[in-house]
Amino acid sequence: MDCKTALALLEPYLDNELDRADARELEAHVDTCADCAAALTRLGDLRQSLRDQTLRHTAPPELRERIRAAAARLAAV
């Protein structure tokens, strides 16, 4: 496997979307390629950071009300 192919498979790999053979081939490549191993680590770290609950914000009540009103107007049409 070359780096171009490996880089394209990193996200599906982290999502457990690869079949066993492709996952093993990617793992073998990452074990021998520092650049792809670093890319996998960075992508994994980014994905973990995006799951941080402190990044989530609740919409203010005024915004929620505006959305409800707009949806009601659309439903009435």
PDB file of N, CA and C in Angstrom:
ATOM      1  N   MET A   1       0.856  -1.175   0.000  1.00  0.00           N
ATOM      2  CA  MET A   1       0.000   0.000   0.000  1.00  0.00           C
ATOM      3  C   MET A   1       0.898   1.232   0.000  1.00  0.00           C
ATOM      4  N   ASP A   2       0.516   2.234  -0.798  1.00  0.00           N
ATOM      5  CA  ASP A   2       1.278   3.475  -0.808  1.00  0.00           C
ATOM      6  C   ASP A   2       0.607   4.501   0.104  1.00  0.00           C
ATOM      7  N   CYS A   3       1.310   5.602   0.336  1.00  0.00           N
ATOM      8  CA  CYS A   3       0.817   6.621   1.265  1.00  0.00           C
ATOM      9  C   CYS A   3      -0.476   7.275   0.779  1.00  0.00           C
ATOM     10  N   LYS A   4      -0.588   7.501  -0.518  1.00  0.00           N
ATOM     11  CA  LYS A   4      -1.795   8.138  -1.053  1.00  0.00           C
ATOM     12  C   LYS A   4      -3.018   7.277  -0.740  1.00  0.00           C
ATOM     13  N   THR A   5      -2.910   5.993  -0.952  1.00  0.00           N
ATOM     14  CA  THR A   5      -4.007   5.077  -0.659  1.00  0.00           C
ATOM     15  C   THR A   5      -4.274   5.017   0.838  1.00  0.00           C
ATOM     16  N   ALA A   6      -3.209   4.947   1.620  1.00  0.00           N
ATOM     17  CA  ALA A   6      -3.356   4.861   3.076  1.00  0.00           C
ATOM     18  C   ALA A   6      -4.055   6.095   3.629  1.00  0.00           C
ATOM     19  N   LEU A   7      -3.655   7.271   3.172  1.00  0.00           N
ATOM     20  CA  LEU A   7      -4.262   8.504   3.683  1.00  0.00           C
ATOM     21  C   LEU A   7      -5.754   8.560   3.368  1.00  0.00           C
ATOM     22  N   ALA A   8      -6.144   8.038   2.220  1.00  0.00           N
ATOM     23  CA  ALA A   8      -7.560   8.029   1.848  1.00  0.00           C
ATOM     24  C   ALA A   8      -8.367   7.052   2.708  1.00  0.00           C
ATOM     25  N   LEU A   9      -7.699   6.094   3.309  1.00  0.00           N
ATOM     26  CA  LEU A   9      -8.388   5.075   4.100  1.00  0.00           C
ATOM     27  C   LEU A   9      -8.403   5.371   5.601  1.00  0.00           C
ATOM     28  N   LEU A  10      -7.741   6.432   6.036  1.00  0.00           N
ATOM     29  CA  LEU A  10      -7.652   6.682   7.477  1.00  0.00           C
ATOM     30  C   LEU A  10      -9.016   6.923   8.119  1.00  0.00           C
ATOM     31  N   GLU A  11      -9.837   7.764   7.514  1.00  0.00           N
ATOM     32  CA  GLU A  11     -11.155   8.032   8.111  1.00  0.00           C
ATOM     33  C   GLU A  11     -12.041   6.791   8.106  1.00  0.00           C
ATOM     34  N   PRO A  12     -12.158   6.087   6.983  1.00  0.00           N
ATOM     35  CA  PRO A  12     -12.951   4.848   7.035  1.00  0.00           C
ATOM     36  C   PRO A  12     -12.406   3.851   8.055  1.00  0.00           C
ATOM     37  N   TYR A  13     -11.096   3.830   8.230  1.00  0.00           N
ATOM     38  CA  TYR A  13     -10.490   2.945   9.218  1.00  0.00           C
ATOM     39  C   TYR A  13     -10.951   3.325  10.623  1.00  0.00           C
ATOM     40  N   LEU A  14     -10.890   4.606  10.947  1.00  0.00           N
ATOM     41  CA  LEU A  14     -11.302   5.054  12.273  1.00  0.00           C
ATOM     42  C   LEU A  14     -12.796   4.864  12.505  1.00  0.00           C
ATOM     43  N   ASP A  15     -13.574   4.835  11.427  1.00  0.00           N
ATOM     44  CA  ASP A  15     -15.019   4.604  11.525  1.00  0.00           C
ATOM     45  C   ASP A  15     -15.368   3.112  11.475  1.00  0.00           C
ATOM     46  N   ASN A  16     -14.356   2.254  11.449  1.00  0.00           N
ATOM     47  CA  ASN A  16     -14.547   0.799  11.348  1.00  0.00           C
ATOM     48  C   ASN A  16     -15.352   0.415  10.112  1.00  0.00           C
ATOM     49  N   GLU A  17     -15.072   1.099   9.007  1.00  0.00           N
ATOM     50  CA  GLU A  17     -15.785   0.833   7.760  1.00  0.00           C
ATOM     51  C   GLU A  17     -14.985  -0.028   6.789  1.00  0.00           C
ATOM     52  N   LEU A  18     -13.757  -0.334   7.116  1.00  0.00           N
ATOM     53  CA  LEU A  18     -12.932  -1.162   6.228  1.00  0.00           C
ATOM     54  C   LEU A  18     -13.156  -2.630   6.529  1.00  0.00           C
ATOM     55  N   ASP A  19     -13.068  -3.456   5.492  1.00  0.00           N
ATOM     56  CA  ASP A  19     -13.121  -4.885   5.758  1.00  0.00           C
ATOM     57  C   ASP A  19     -11.803  -5.287   6.420  1.00  0.00           C
ATOM     58  N   ARG A  20     -11.806  -6.477   6.953  1.00  0.00           N
ATOM     59  CA  ARG A  20     -10.659  -6.938   7.751  1.00  0.00           C
ATOM     60  C   ARG A  20      -9.349  -6.902   6.955  1.00  0.00           C
ATOM     61  N   ALA A  21      -9.383  -7.317   5.700  1.00  0.00           N
ATOM     62  CA  ALA A  21      -8.159  -7.357   4.884  1.00  0.00           C
ATOM     63  C   ALA A  21      -7.608  -5.955   4.644  1.00  0.00           C
ATOM     64  N   ASP A  22      -8.487  -5.004   4.293  1.00  0.00           N
ATOM     65  CA  ASP A  22      -8.026  -3.630   4.063  1.00  0.00           C
ATOM     66  C   ASP A  22      -7.517  -2.997   5.349  1.00  0.00           C
ATOM     67  N   ALA A  23      -8.185  -3.265   6.461  1.00  0.00           N
ATOM     68  CA  ALA A  23      -7.745  -2.711   7.739  1.00  0.00           C
ATOM     69  C   ALA A  23      -6.361  -3.247   8.105  1.00  0.00           C
ATOM     70  N   ARG A  24      -6.155  -4.518   7.896  1.00  0.00           N
ATOM     71  CA  ARG A  24      -4.838  -5.104   8.211  1.00  0.00           C
ATOM     72  C   ARG A  24      -3.753  -4.551   7.294  1.00  0.00           C
ATOM     73  N   GLU A  25      -4.089  -4.358   6.026  1.00  0.00           N
ATOM     74  CA  GLU A  25      -3.110  -3.806   5.093  1.00  0.00           C
ATOM     75  C   GLU A  25      -2.756  -2.374   5.487  1.00  0.00           C
ATOM     76  N   LEU A  26      -3.761  -1.590   5.868  1.00  0.00           N
ATOM     77  CA  LEU A  26      -3.503  -0.226   6.322  1.00  0.00           C
ATOM     78  C   LEU A  26      -2.664  -0.238   7.593  1.00  0.00           C
ATOM     79  N   GLU A  27      -2.996  -1.083   8.531  1.00  0.00           N
ATOM     80  CA  GLU A  27      -2.229  -1.183   9.782  1.00  0.00           C
ATOM     81  C   GLU A  27      -0.778  -1.546   9.512  1.00  0.00           C
ATOM     82  N   ALA A  28      -0.551  -2.472   8.580  1.00  0.00           N
ATOM     83  CA  ALA A  28       0.817  -2.859   8.235  1.00  0.00           C
ATOM     84  C   ALA A  28       1.571  -1.675   7.645  1.00  0.00           C
ATOM     85  N   HIS A  29       0.898  -0.895   6.799  1.00  0.00           N
ATOM     86  CA  HIS A  29       1.547   0.279   6.216  1.00  0.00           C
ATOM     87  C   HIS A  29       1.864   1.307   7.297  1.00  0.00           C
ATOM     88  N   VAL A  30       0.885   1.579   8.165  1.00  0.00           N
ATOM     89  CA  VAL A  30       1.078   2.581   9.224  1.00  0.00           C
ATOM     90  C   VAL A  30       2.204   2.154  10.164  1.00  0.00           C
ATOM     91  N   ASP A  31       2.355   0.851  10.379  1.00  0.00           N
ATOM     92  CA  ASP A  31       3.427   0.358  11.243  1.00  0.00           C
ATOM     93  C   ASP A  31       4.808   0.652  10.677  1.00  0.00           C
ATOM     94  N   THR A  32       4.899   0.828   9.361  1.00  0.00           N
ATOM     95  CA  THR A  32       6.211   1.037   8.740  1.00  0.00           C
ATOM     96  C   THR A  32       6.390   2.450   8.177  1.00  0.00           C
ATOM     97  N   CYS A  33       5.367   3.285   8.248  1.00  0.00           N
ATOM     98  CA  CYS A  33       5.439   4.618   7.651  1.00  0.00           C
ATOM     99  C   CYS A  33       5.165   5.677   8.723  1.00  0.00           C
ATOM    100  N   ALA A  34       6.179   6.394   9.102  1.00  0.00           N
ATOM    101  CA  ALA A  34       6.044   7.406  10.157  1.00  0.00           C
ATOM    102  C   ALA A  34       5.081   8.517   9.757  1.00  0.00           C
ATOM    103  N   ASP A  35       5.094   8.910   8.486  1.00  0.00           N
ATOM    104  CA  ASP A  35       4.202   9.994   8.047  1.00  0.00           C
ATOM    105  C   ASP A  35       2.737   9.585   8.163  1.00  0.00           C
ATOM    106  N   CYS A  36       2.409   8.401   7.722  1.00  0.00           N
ATOM    107  CA  CYS A  36       1.022   7.941   7.803  1.00  0.00           C
ATOM    108  C   CYS A  36       0.619   7.649   9.250  1.00  0.00           C
ATOM    109  N   ALA A  37       1.544   7.160  10.048  1.00  0.00           N
ATOM    110  CA  ALA A  37       1.256   6.943  11.465  1.00  0.00           C
ATOM    111  C   ALA A  37       0.952   8.270  12.148  1.00  0.00           C
ATOM    112  N   ALA A  38       1.715   9.297  11.817  1.00  0.00           N
ATOM    113  CA  ALA A  38       1.469  10.619  12.392  1.00  0.00           C
ATOM    114  C   ALA A  38       0.130  11.174  11.923  1.00  0.00           C
ATOM    115  N   ALA A  39      -0.206  10.957  10.660  1.00  0.00           N
ATOM    116  CA  ALA A  39      -1.491  11.422  10.138  1.00  0.00           C
ATOM    117  C   ALA A  39      -2.645  10.708  10.840  1.00  0.00           C
ATOM    118  N   LEU A  40      -2.503   9.420  11.080  1.00  0.00           N
ATOM    119  CA  LEU A  40      -3.532   8.669  11.783  1.00  0.00           C
ATOM    120  C   LEU A  40      -3.696   9.185  13.211  1.00  0.00           C
ATOM    121  N   THR A  41      -2.586   9.450  13.871  1.00  0.00           N
ATOM    122  CA  THR A  41      -2.635   9.987  15.233  1.00  0.00           C
ATOM    123  C   THR A  41      -3.299  11.353  15.260  1.00  0.00           C
ATOM    124  N   ARG A  42      -2.918  12.227  14.329  1.00  0.00           N
ATOM    125  CA  ARG A  42      -3.521  13.577  14.276  1.00  0.00           C
ATOM    126  C   ARG A  42      -5.023  13.497  14.030  1.00  0.00           C
ATOM    127  N   LEU A  43      -5.420  12.652  13.101  1.00  0.00           N
ATOM    128  CA  LEU A  43      -6.833  12.513  12.790  1.00  0.00           C
ATOM    129  C   LEU A  43      -7.597  11.936  13.981  1.00  0.00           C
ATOM    130  N   GLY A  44      -7.030  10.969  14.630  1.00  0.00           N
ATOM    131  CA  GLY A  44      -7.657  10.399  15.829  1.00  0.00           C
ATOM    132  C   GLY A  44      -7.786  11.426  16.938  1.00  0.00           C
ATOM    133  N   ASP A  45      -6.737  12.224  17.130  1.00  0.00           N
ATOM    134  CA  ASP A  45      -6.778  13.283  18.147  1.00  0.00           C
ATOM    135  C   ASP A  45      -7.830  14.331  17.811  1.00  0.00           C
ATOM    136  N   LEU A  46      -7.918  14.715  16.542  1.00  0.00           N
ATOM    137  CA  LEU A  46      -8.914  15.692  16.114  1.00  0.00           C
ATOM    138  C   LEU A  46     -10.319  15.162  16.352  1.00  0.00           C
ATOM    139  N   ARG A  47     -10.551  13.932  15.962  1.00  0.00           N
ATOM    140  CA  ARG A  47     -11.877  13.347  16.152  1.00  0.00           C
ATOM    141  C   ARG A  47     -12.240  13.297  17.628  1.00  0.00           C
ATOM    142  N   GLN A  48     -11.286  12.974  18.474  1.00  0.00           N
ATOM    143  CA  GLN A  48     -11.541  12.937  19.919  1.00  0.00           C
ATOM    144  C   GLN A  48     -11.830  14.334  20.450  1.00  0.00           C
ATOM    145  N   SER A  49     -11.094  15.320  19.990  1.00  0.00           N
ATOM    146  CA  SER A  49     -11.314  16.708  20.425  1.00  0.00           C
ATOM    147  C   SER A  49     -12.703  17.198  20.041  1.00  0.00           C
ATOM    148  N   LEU A  50     -13.172  16.810  18.865  1.00  0.00           N
ATOM    149  CA  LEU A  50     -14.490  17.249  18.408  1.00  0.00           C
ATOM    150  C   LEU A  50     -15.623  16.615  19.206  1.00  0.00           C
ATOM    151  N   ARG A  51     -15.330  15.562  19.923  1.00  0.00           N
ATOM    152  CA  ARG A  51     -16.342  14.931  20.781  1.00  0.00           C
ATOM    153  C   ARG A  51     -16.414  15.601  22.157  1.00  0.00           C
ATOM    154  N   ASP A  52     -15.549  16.551  22.415  1.00  0.00           N
ATOM    155  CA  ASP A  52     -15.499  17.245  23.706  1.00  0.00           C
ATOM    156  C   ASP A  52     -16.817  17.984  23.947  1.00  0.00           C
ATOM    157  N   GLN A  53     -17.479  17.652  25.015  1.00  0.00           N
ATOM    158  CA  GLN A  53     -18.778  18.245  25.321  1.00  0.00           C
ATOM    159  C   GLN A  53     -18.699  19.752  25.573  1.00  0.00           C
ATOM    160  N   THR A  54     -17.530  20.260  25.933  1.00  0.00           N
ATOM    161  CA  THR A  54     -17.417  21.703  26.174  1.00  0.00           C
ATOM    162  C   THR A  54     -17.499  22.502  24.879  1.00  0.00           C
ATOM    163  N   LEU A  55     -17.398  21.828  23.731  1.00  0.00           N
ATOM    164  CA  LEU A  55     -17.533  22.512  22.451  1.00  0.00           C
ATOM    165  C   LEU A  55     -18.997  22.667  22.039  1.00  0.00           C
ATOM    166  N   ARG A  56     -19.884  22.004  22.742  1.00  0.00           N
ATOM    167  CA  ARG A  56     -21.305  22.052  22.395  1.00  0.00           C
ATOM    168  C   ARG A  56     -21.967  23.224  23.103  1.00  0.00           C
ATOM    169  N   HIS A  57     -22.829  23.896  22.377  1.00  0.00           N
ATOM    170  CA  HIS A  57     -23.544  25.045  22.933  1.00  0.00           C
ATOM    171  C   HIS A  57     -25.029  24.887  22.667  1.00  0.00           C
ATOM    172  N   THR A  58     -25.819  25.282  23.628  1.00  0.00           N
ATOM    173  CA  THR A  58     -27.270  25.250  23.481  1.00  0.00           C
ATOM    174  C   THR A  58     -27.720  26.561  22.851  1.00  0.00           C
ATOM    175  N   ALA A  59     -28.630  26.443  21.921  1.00  0.00           N
ATOM    176  CA  ALA A  59     -29.164  27.652  21.275  1.00  0.00           C
ATOM    177  C   ALA A  59     -29.914  28.482  22.317  1.00  0.00           C
ATOM    178  N   PRO A  60     -29.752  29.803  22.257  1.00  0.00           N
ATOM    179  CA  PRO A  60     -30.483  30.650  23.205  1.00  0.00           C
ATOM    180  C   PRO A  60     -31.994  30.529  22.966  1.00  0.00           C
ATOM    181  N   PRO A  61     -32.778  30.748  24.012  1.00  0.00           N
ATOM    182  CA  PRO A  61     -34.238  30.613  23.876  1.00  0.00           C
ATOM    183  C   PRO A  61     -34.823  31.466  22.747  1.00  0.00           C
ATOM    184  N   GLU A  62     -34.277  32.668  22.537  1.00  0.00           N
ATOM    185  CA  GLU A  62     -34.797  33.534  21.475  1.00  0.00           C
ATOM    186  C   GLU A  62     -34.619  32.898  20.094  1.00  0.00           C
ATOM    187  N   LEU A  63     -33.490  32.294  19.873  1.00  0.00           N
ATOM    188  CA  LEU A  63     -33.228  31.636  18.597  1.00  0.00           C
ATOM    189  C   LEU A  63     -34.155  30.435  18.418  1.00  0.00           C
ATOM    190  N   ARG A  64     -34.309  29.643  19.461  1.00  0.00           N
ATOM    191  CA  ARG A  64     -35.196  28.487  19.367  1.00  0.00           C
ATOM    192  C   ARG A  64     -36.623  28.924  19.034  1.00  0.00           C
ATOM    193  N   GLU A  65     -37.068  30.014  19.651  1.00  0.00           N
ATOM    194  CA  GLU A  65     -38.418  30.507  19.386  1.00  0.00           C
ATOM    195  C   GLU A  65     -38.559  30.996  17.944  1.00  0.00           C
ATOM    196  N   ARG A  66     -37.528  31.693  17.431  1.00  0.00           N
ATOM    197  CA  ARG A  66     -37.569  32.151  16.040  1.00  0.00           C
ATOM    198  C   ARG A  66     -37.639  30.967  15.079  1.00  0.00           C
ATOM    199  N   ILE A  67     -36.907  29.918  15.386  1.00  0.00           N
ATOM    200  CA  ILE A  67     -36.926  28.720  14.542  1.00  0.00           C
ATOM    201  C   ILE A  67     -38.297  28.061  14.593  1.00  0.00           C
ATOM    202  N   ARG A  68     -38.872  27.937  15.789  1.00  0.00           N
ATOM    203  CA  ARG A  68     -40.211  27.349  15.917  1.00  0.00           C
ATOM    204  C   ARG A  68     -41.237  28.163  15.129  1.00  0.00           C
ATOM    205  N   ALA A  69     -41.163  29.486  15.242  1.00  0.00           N
ATOM    206  CA  ALA A  69     -42.113  30.347  14.537  1.00  0.00           C
ATOM    207  C   ALA A  69     -41.960  30.205  13.024  1.00  0.00           C
ATOM    208  N   ALA A  70     -40.733  30.159  12.542  1.00  0.00           N
ATOM    209  CA  ALA A  70     -40.493  30.005  11.110  1.00  0.00           C
ATOM    210  C   ALA A  70     -41.004  28.652  10.622  1.00  0.00           C
ATOM    211  N   ALA A  71     -40.780  27.608  11.400  1.00  0.00           N
ATOM    212  CA  ALA A  71     -41.258  26.277  11.028  1.00  0.00           C
ATOM    213  C   ALA A  71     -42.781  26.251  10.998  1.00  0.00           C
ATOM    214  N   ALA A  72     -43.429  26.927  11.950  1.00  0.00           N
ATOM    215  CA  ALA A  72     -44.892  26.973  11.977  1.00  0.00           C
ATOM    216  C   ALA A  72     -45.424  27.702  10.749  1.00  0.00           C
ATOM    217  N   ARG A  73     -44.736  28.797  10.368  1.00  0.00           N
ATOM    218  CA  ARG A  73     -45.168  29.535   9.171  1.00  0.00           C
ATOM    219  C   ARG A  73     -45.038  28.660   7.921  1.00  0.00           C
ATOM    220  N   LEU A  74     -43.961  27.924   7.823  1.00  0.00           N
ATOM    221  CA  LEU A  74     -43.768  27.039   6.676  1.00  0.00           C
ATOM    222  C   LEU A  74     -44.787  25.912   6.649  1.00  0.00           C
ATOM    223  N   ALA A  75     -45.127  25.400   7.811  1.00  0.00           N
ATOM    224  CA  ALA A  75     -46.097  24.307   7.883  1.00  0.00           C
ATOM    225  C   ALA A  75     -47.492  24.789   7.493  1.00  0.00           C
ATOM    226  N   ALA A  76     -47.783  26.057   7.715  1.00  0.00           N
ATOM    227  CA  ALA A  76     -49.100  26.611   7.425  1.00  0.00           C
ATOM    228  C   ALA A  76     -49.276  26.886   5.926  1.00  0.00           C
ATOM    229  N   VAL A  77     -48.171  26.910   5.188  1.00  0.00           N
ATOM    230  CA  VAL A  77     -48.246  27.227   3.755  1.00  0.00           C
ATOM    231  C   VAL A  77     -48.683  26.048   2.947  1.00  0.00           C
TER     232      VAL A  77
END
